[in-house]
PDB file of N, CA and C in Angstrom:
ATOM      1  N   UNK A   1      56.415   4.536 -22.305  1.00  0.00           N
ATOM      2  CA  UNK A   1      57.822   4.329 -22.491  1.00  0.00           C
ATOM      3  C   UNK A   1      58.491   4.329 -21.118  1.00  0.00           C
ATOM      4  N   UNK A   2      59.421   3.447 -20.936  1.00  0.00           N
ATOM      5  CA  UNK A   2      60.134   3.303 -19.675  1.00  0.00           C
ATOM      6  C   UNK A   2      61.090   4.469 -19.459  1.00  0.00           C
ATOM      7  N   UNK A   3      61.101   4.944 -18.270  1.00  0.00           N
ATOM      8  CA  UNK A   3      62.046   5.975 -17.865  1.00  0.00           C
ATOM      9  C   UNK A   3      62.463   5.674 -16.436  1.00  0.00           C
ATOM     10  N   UNK A   4      63.684   5.986 -16.115  1.00  0.00           N
ATOM     11  CA  UNK A   4      64.172   5.693 -14.776  1.00  0.00           C
ATOM     12  C   UNK A   4      65.164   6.753 -14.345  1.00  0.00           C
ATOM     13  N   UNK A   5      65.227   6.967 -13.056  1.00  0.00           N
ATOM     14  CA  UNK A   5      66.230   7.869 -12.516  1.00  0.00           C
ATOM     15  C   UNK A   5      67.334   7.055 -11.843  1.00  0.00           C
ATOM     16  N   UNK A   6      67.701   5.932 -12.475  1.00  0.00           N
ATOM     17  CA  UNK A   6      68.665   5.015 -11.871  1.00  0.00           C
ATOM     18  C   UNK A   6      70.037   5.631 -11.630  1.00  0.00           C
ATOM     19  N   UNK A   7      70.343   6.728 -12.268  1.00  0.00           N
ATOM     20  CA  UNK A   7      71.648   7.355 -12.035  1.00  0.00           C
ATOM     21  C   UNK A   7      71.617   8.331 -10.864  1.00  0.00           C
ATOM     22  N   UNK A   8      70.468   8.485 -10.243  1.00  0.00           N
ATOM     23  CA  UNK A   8      70.378   9.392  -9.099  1.00  0.00           C
ATOM     24  C   UNK A   8      71.074   8.803  -7.881  1.00  0.00           C
ATOM     25  N   UNK A   9      71.475   9.653  -6.987  1.00  0.00           N
ATOM     26  CA  UNK A   9      72.235   9.258  -5.811  1.00  0.00           C
ATOM     27  C   UNK A   9      71.492   8.279  -4.910  1.00  0.00           C
ATOM     28  N   UNK A  10      70.168   8.298  -4.958  1.00  0.00           N
ATOM     29  CA  UNK A  10      69.405   7.479  -4.019  1.00  0.00           C
ATOM     30  C   UNK A  10      69.145   6.059  -4.518  1.00  0.00           C
ATOM     31  N   UNK A  11      69.664   5.719  -5.694  1.00  0.00           N
ATOM     32  CA  UNK A  11      69.562   4.348  -6.194  1.00  0.00           C
ATOM     33  C   UNK A  11      70.833   3.623  -5.759  1.00  0.00           C
ATOM     34  N   UNK A  12      70.672   2.762  -4.774  1.00  0.00           N
ATOM     35  CA  UNK A  12      71.844   2.102  -4.178  1.00  0.00           C
ATOM     36  C   UNK A  12      72.519   1.113  -5.113  1.00  0.00           C
ATOM     37  N   UNK A  13      71.734   0.433  -5.957  1.00  0.00           N
ATOM     38  CA  UNK A  13      72.297  -0.588  -6.836  1.00  0.00           C
ATOM     39  C   UNK A  13      71.610  -0.515  -8.195  1.00  0.00           C
ATOM     40  N   UNK A  14      72.354  -0.117  -9.214  1.00  0.00           N
ATOM     41  CA  UNK A  14      71.798   0.013 -10.562  1.00  0.00           C
ATOM     42  C   UNK A  14      71.209  -1.300 -11.061  1.00  0.00           C
ATOM     43  N   UNK A  15      71.750  -2.416 -10.592  1.00  0.00           N
ATOM     44  CA  UNK A  15      71.285  -3.728 -11.044  1.00  0.00           C
ATOM     45  C   UNK A  15      69.879  -4.056 -10.566  1.00  0.00           C
ATOM     46  N   UNK A  16      69.326  -3.267  -9.669  1.00  0.00           N
ATOM     47  CA  UNK A  16      67.980  -3.526  -9.163  1.00  0.00           C
ATOM     48  C   UNK A  16      66.888  -2.848  -9.975  1.00  0.00           C
ATOM     49  N   UNK A  17      67.242  -1.887 -10.819  1.00  0.00           N
ATOM     50  CA  UNK A  17      66.242  -1.069 -11.497  1.00  0.00           C
ATOM     51  C   UNK A  17      65.374  -1.883 -12.454  1.00  0.00           C
ATOM     52  N   UNK A  18      65.964  -2.561 -13.410  1.00  0.00           N
ATOM     53  CA  UNK A  18      65.175  -3.317 -14.391  1.00  0.00           C
ATOM     54  C   UNK A  18      64.470  -4.504 -13.748  1.00  0.00           C
ATOM     55  N   UNK A  19      65.151  -5.289 -12.896  1.00  0.00           N
ATOM     56  CA  UNK A  19      64.421  -6.379 -12.231  1.00  0.00           C
ATOM     57  C   UNK A  19      63.207  -5.884 -11.441  1.00  0.00           C
ATOM     58  N   UNK A  20      63.334  -4.741 -10.818  1.00  0.00           N
ATOM     59  CA  UNK A  20      62.191  -4.201 -10.082  1.00  0.00           C
ATOM     60  C   UNK A  20      61.079  -3.802 -11.043  1.00  0.00           C
ATOM     61  N   UNK A  21      61.434  -3.185 -12.160  1.00  0.00           N
ATOM     62  CA  UNK A  21      60.434  -2.822 -13.164  1.00  0.00           C
ATOM     63  C   UNK A  21      59.759  -4.071 -13.733  1.00  0.00           C
ATOM     64  N   UNK A  22      60.515  -5.162 -13.854  1.00  0.00           N
ATOM     65  CA  UNK A  22      59.995  -6.411 -14.422  1.00  0.00           C
ATOM     66  C   UNK A  22      58.936  -7.045 -13.528  1.00  0.00           C
ATOM     67  N   UNK A  23      58.832  -6.582 -12.305  1.00  0.00           N
ATOM     68  CA  UNK A  23      57.814  -7.123 -11.400  1.00  0.00           C
ATOM     69  C   UNK A  23      56.408  -6.974 -11.967  1.00  0.00           C
ATOM     70  N   UNK A  24      56.188  -5.991 -12.858  1.00  0.00           N
ATOM     71  CA  UNK A  24      54.849  -5.853 -13.448  1.00  0.00           C
ATOM     72  C   UNK A  24      54.507  -7.050 -14.335  1.00  0.00           C
ATOM     73  N   UNK A  25      55.531  -7.700 -14.873  1.00  0.00           N
ATOM     74  CA  UNK A  25      55.315  -8.935 -15.637  1.00  0.00           C
ATOM     75  C   UNK A  25      55.061 -10.087 -14.670  1.00  0.00           C
ATOM     76  N   UNK A  26      55.910 -10.185 -13.671  1.00  0.00           N
ATOM     77  CA  UNK A  26      55.787 -11.268 -12.695  1.00  0.00           C
ATOM     78  C   UNK A  26      54.443 -11.249 -11.973  1.00  0.00           C
ATOM     79  N   UNK A  27      53.885 -10.076 -11.786  1.00  0.00           N
ATOM     80  CA  UNK A  27      52.586  -9.961 -11.118  1.00  0.00           C
ATOM     81  C   UNK A  27      51.417 -10.100 -12.081  1.00  0.00           C
ATOM     82  N   UNK A  28      51.721 -10.258 -13.375  1.00  0.00           N
ATOM     83  CA  UNK A  28      50.691 -10.493 -14.376  1.00  0.00           C
ATOM     84  C   UNK A  28      49.980  -9.257 -14.886  1.00  0.00           C
ATOM     85  N   UNK A  29      50.535  -8.079 -14.607  1.00  0.00           N
ATOM     86  CA  UNK A  29      49.905  -6.847 -15.082  1.00  0.00           C
ATOM     87  C   UNK A  29      50.100  -6.641 -16.580  1.00  0.00           C
ATOM     88  N   UNK A  30      51.245  -7.078 -17.084  1.00  0.00           N
ATOM     89  CA  UNK A  30      51.553  -6.980 -18.514  1.00  0.00           C
ATOM     90  C   UNK A  30      52.257  -8.261 -18.946  1.00  0.00           C
ATOM     91  N   UNK A  31      52.276  -8.498 -20.246  1.00  0.00           N
ATOM     92  CA  UNK A  31      52.986  -9.660 -20.788  1.00  0.00           C
ATOM     93  C   UNK A  31      54.457  -9.314 -20.992  1.00  0.00           C
ATOM     94  N   UNK A  32      55.271 -10.338 -21.249  1.00  0.00           N
ATOM     95  CA  UNK A  32      56.683 -10.076 -21.548  1.00  0.00           C
ATOM     96  C   UNK A  32      56.822  -9.238 -22.808  1.00  0.00           C
ATOM     97  N   UNK A  33      55.959  -9.468 -23.787  1.00  0.00           N
ATOM     98  CA  UNK A  33      55.988  -8.666 -25.017  1.00  0.00           C
ATOM     99  C   UNK A  33      55.639  -7.205 -24.713  1.00  0.00           C
ATOM    100  N   UNK A  34      54.641  -6.993 -23.872  1.00  0.00           N
ATOM    101  CA  UNK A  34      54.296  -5.628 -23.464  1.00  0.00           C
ATOM    102  C   UNK A  34      55.503  -4.949 -22.814  1.00  0.00           C
ATOM    103  N   UNK A  35      56.190  -5.690 -21.940  1.00  0.00           N
ATOM    104  CA  UNK A  35      57.344  -5.138 -21.227  1.00  0.00           C
ATOM    105  C   UNK A  35      58.470  -4.805 -22.199  1.00  0.00           C
ATOM    106  N   UNK A  36      58.699  -5.670 -23.172  1.00  0.00           N
ATOM    107  CA  UNK A  36      59.732  -5.405 -24.185  1.00  0.00           C
ATOM    108  C   UNK A  36      59.409  -4.120 -24.940  1.00  0.00           C
ATOM    109  N   UNK A  37      58.156  -3.976 -25.332  1.00  0.00           N
ATOM    110  CA  UNK A  37      57.758  -2.768 -26.046  1.00  0.00           C
ATOM    111  C   UNK A  37      57.907  -1.536 -25.160  1.00  0.00           C
ATOM    112  N   UNK A  38      57.544  -1.676 -23.899  1.00  0.00           N
ATOM    113  CA  UNK A  38      57.611  -0.597 -22.927  1.00  0.00           C
ATOM    114  C   UNK A  38      59.050  -0.140 -22.676  1.00  0.00           C
ATOM    115  N   UNK A  39      59.979  -1.076 -22.587  1.00  0.00           N
ATOM    116  CA  UNK A  39      61.355  -0.742 -22.224  1.00  0.00           C
ATOM    117  C   UNK A  39      62.304  -0.581 -23.409  1.00  0.00           C
ATOM    118  N   UNK A  40      61.930  -1.096 -24.595  1.00  0.00           N
ATOM    119  CA  UNK A  40      62.879  -1.088 -25.708  1.00  0.00           C
ATOM    120  C   UNK A  40      62.260  -0.626 -27.023  1.00  0.00           C
ATOM    121  N   UNK A  41      61.245  -1.325 -27.486  1.00  0.00           N
ATOM    122  CA  UNK A  41      60.700  -1.064 -28.816  1.00  0.00           C
ATOM    123  C   UNK A  41      60.202   0.369 -28.967  1.00  0.00           C
ATOM    124  N   UNK A  42      59.413   0.847 -28.024  1.00  0.00           N
ATOM    125  CA  UNK A  42      58.855   2.204 -28.138  1.00  0.00           C
ATOM    126  C   UNK A  42      59.948   3.257 -28.211  1.00  0.00           C
ATOM    127  N   UNK A  43      60.983   3.119 -27.395  1.00  0.00           N
ATOM    128  CA  UNK A  43      62.088   4.079 -27.433  1.00  0.00           C
ATOM    129  C   UNK A  43      62.843   3.998 -28.753  1.00  0.00           C
ATOM    130  N   UNK A  44      63.054   2.788 -29.229  1.00  0.00           N
ATOM    131  CA  UNK A  44      63.757   2.614 -30.504  1.00  0.00           C
ATOM    132  C   UNK A  44      62.968   3.253 -31.642  1.00  0.00           C
ATOM    133  N   UNK A  45      61.661   3.039 -31.652  1.00  0.00           N
ATOM    134  CA  UNK A  45      60.817   3.644 -32.690  1.00  0.00           C
ATOM    135  C   UNK A  45      60.822   5.164 -32.593  1.00  0.00           C
ATOM    136  N   UNK A  46      60.699   5.678 -31.392  1.00  0.00           N
ATOM    137  CA  UNK A  46      60.695   7.128 -31.194  1.00  0.00           C
ATOM    138  C   UNK A  46      61.981   7.752 -31.723  1.00  0.00           C
ATOM    139  N   UNK A  47      63.105   7.191 -31.332  1.00  0.00           N
ATOM    140  CA  UNK A  47      64.385   7.813 -31.656  1.00  0.00           C
ATOM    141  C   UNK A  47      64.866   7.552 -33.078  1.00  0.00           C
ATOM    142  N   UNK A  48      64.316   6.565 -33.750  1.00  0.00           N
ATOM    143  CA  UNK A  48      64.718   6.319 -35.141  1.00  0.00           C
ATOM    144  C   UNK A  48      63.728   6.910 -36.138  1.00  0.00           C
ATOM    145  N   UNK A  49      62.615   7.422 -35.656  1.00  0.00           N
ATOM    146  CA  UNK A  49      61.608   7.985 -36.560  1.00  0.00           C
ATOM    147  C   UNK A  49      62.193   9.113 -37.410  1.00  0.00           C
ATOM    148  N   UNK A  50      62.838  10.064 -36.783  1.00  0.00           N
ATOM    149  CA  UNK A  50      63.420  11.194 -37.515  1.00  0.00           C
ATOM    150  C   UNK A  50      64.870  10.975 -37.913  1.00  0.00           C
ATOM    151  N   UNK A  51      65.535  10.046 -37.246  1.00  0.00           N
ATOM    152  CA  UNK A  51      66.944   9.797 -37.544  1.00  0.00           C
ATOM    153  C   UNK A  51      67.203   8.298 -37.486  1.00  0.00           C
ATOM    154  N   UNK A  52      66.941   7.584 -38.582  1.00  0.00           N
ATOM    155  CA  UNK A  52      67.102   6.127 -38.579  1.00  0.00           C
ATOM    156  C   UNK A  52      68.503   5.652 -38.198  1.00  0.00           C
ATOM    157  N   UNK A  53      69.508   6.489 -38.370  1.00  0.00           N
ATOM    158  CA  UNK A  53      70.887   6.090 -38.075  1.00  0.00           C
ATOM    159  C   UNK A  53      71.339   6.526 -36.682  1.00  0.00           C
ATOM    160  N   UNK A  54      70.416   6.944 -35.834  1.00  0.00           N
ATOM    161  CA  UNK A  54      70.787   7.461 -34.514  1.00  0.00           C
ATOM    162  C   UNK A  54      71.644   6.488 -33.714  1.00  0.00           C
ATOM    163  N   UNK A  55      71.358   5.199 -33.797  1.00  0.00           N
ATOM    164  CA  UNK A  55      72.073   4.215 -32.992  1.00  0.00           C
ATOM    165  C   UNK A  55      73.272   3.600 -33.711  1.00  0.00           C
ATOM    166  N   UNK A  56      73.564   4.083 -34.917  1.00  0.00           N
ATOM    167  CA  UNK A  56      74.709   3.556 -35.674  1.00  0.00           C
ATOM    168  C   UNK A  56      75.996   3.721 -34.871  1.00  0.00           C
ATOM    169  N   UNK A  57      76.746   2.635 -34.780  1.00  0.00           N
ATOM    170  CA  UNK A  57      78.005   2.656 -34.064  1.00  0.00           C
ATOM    171  C   UNK A  57      77.875   2.410 -32.571  1.00  0.00           C
ATOM    172  N   UNK A  58      76.669   2.119 -32.111  1.00  0.00           N
ATOM    173  CA  UNK A  58      76.466   1.857 -30.686  1.00  0.00           C
ATOM    174  C   UNK A  58      76.323   0.359 -30.450  1.00  0.00           C
ATOM    175  N   UNK A  59      76.371  -0.040 -29.202  1.00  0.00           N
ATOM    176  CA  UNK A  59      76.246  -1.462 -28.875  1.00  0.00           C
ATOM    177  C   UNK A  59      74.842  -1.995 -29.146  1.00  0.00           C
ATOM    178  N   UNK A  60      73.871  -1.119 -29.301  1.00  0.00           N
ATOM    179  CA  UNK A  60      72.493  -1.562 -29.560  1.00  0.00           C
ATOM    180  C   UNK A  60      72.089  -1.407 -31.024  1.00  0.00           C
ATOM    181  N   UNK A  61      73.016  -1.020 -31.866  1.00  0.00           N
ATOM    182  CA  UNK A  61      72.718  -0.767 -33.281  1.00  0.00           C
ATOM    183  C   UNK A  61      71.972  -1.933 -33.933  1.00  0.00           C
ATOM    184  N   UNK A  62      72.514  -3.129 -33.835  1.00  0.00           N
ATOM    185  CA  UNK A  62      71.913  -4.289 -34.500  1.00  0.00           C
ATOM    186  C   UNK A  62      70.538  -4.608 -33.912  1.00  0.00           C
ATOM    187  N   UNK A  63      70.423  -4.584 -32.596  1.00  0.00           N
ATOM    188  CA  UNK A  63      69.148  -4.903 -31.949  1.00  0.00           C
ATOM    189  C   UNK A  63      68.069  -3.897 -32.338  1.00  0.00           C
ATOM    190  N   UNK A  64      68.422  -2.620 -32.389  1.00  0.00           N
ATOM    191  CA  UNK A  64      67.455  -1.586 -32.777  1.00  0.00           C
ATOM    192  C   UNK A  64      67.034  -1.791 -34.221  1.00  0.00           C
ATOM    193  N   UNK A  65      67.999  -1.984 -35.106  1.00  0.00           N
ATOM    194  CA  UNK A  65      67.695  -2.172 -36.516  1.00  0.00           C
ATOM    195  C   UNK A  65      66.763  -3.354 -36.732  1.00  0.00           C
ATOM    196  N   UNK A  66      67.025  -4.446 -36.053  1.00  0.00           N
ATOM    197  CA  UNK A  66      66.165  -5.637 -36.172  1.00  0.00           C
ATOM    198  C   UNK A  66      64.781  -5.389 -35.578  1.00  0.00           C
ATOM    199  N   UNK A  67      64.725  -4.685 -34.480  1.00  0.00           N
ATOM    200  CA  UNK A  67      63.456  -4.441 -33.793  1.00  0.00           C
ATOM    201  C   UNK A  67      62.516  -3.558 -34.600  1.00  0.00           C
ATOM    202  N   UNK A  68      63.068  -2.527 -35.220  1.00  0.00           N
ATOM    203  CA  UNK A  68      62.210  -1.581 -35.927  1.00  0.00           C
ATOM    204  C   UNK A  68      62.212  -1.787 -37.440  1.00  0.00           C
ATOM    205  N   UNK A  69      62.870  -2.852 -37.879  1.00  0.00           N
ATOM    206  CA  UNK A  69      62.835  -3.208 -39.302  1.00  0.00           C
ATOM    207  C   UNK A  69      63.631  -2.289 -40.194  1.00  0.00           C
ATOM    208  N   UNK A  70      64.762  -1.824 -39.731  1.00  0.00           N
ATOM    209  CA  UNK A  70      65.581  -0.907 -40.516  1.00  0.00           C
ATOM    210  C   UNK A  70      66.584  -1.609 -41.411  1.00  0.00           C
ATOM    211  N   UNK A  71      66.837  -2.866 -41.186  1.00  0.00           N
ATOM    212  CA  UNK A  71      67.939  -3.507 -41.896  1.00  0.00           C
ATOM    213  C   UNK A  71      69.238  -2.914 -41.384  1.00  0.00           C
ATOM    214  N   UNK A  72      70.215  -2.796 -42.245  1.00  0.00           N
ATOM    215  CA  UNK A  72      71.490  -2.204 -41.829  1.00  0.00           C
ATOM    216  C   UNK A  72      71.315  -0.704 -41.683  1.00  0.00           C
ATOM    217  N   UNK A  73      71.777  -0.152 -40.596  1.00  0.00           N
ATOM    218  CA  UNK A  73      71.687   1.297 -40.391  1.00  0.00           C
ATOM    219  C   UNK A  73      72.696   1.995 -41.290  1.00  0.00           C
ATOM    220  N   UNK A  74      72.264   3.071 -41.893  1.00  0.00           N
ATOM    221  CA  UNK A  74      73.157   3.811 -42.788  1.00  0.00           C
ATOM    222  C   UNK A  74      73.645   5.078 -42.169  1.00  0.00           C
TER     223      UNK A  74
END
């Protein structure tokens, strides 16, 4: 699962964090699907396992529901 300390003082530009992480795709170490699972799907599954409505009311609600097969979050 992806984790980052992008909010730390030593990260000069937050916009560089994900593009830098994506270099593992560009270098052929993982596929784009692997990267999606690494940065999004795994976290969504982890956090909705015990609380399917965790993301309800957030900007990622629909994307999470579609990704993990929840339908409409309740």
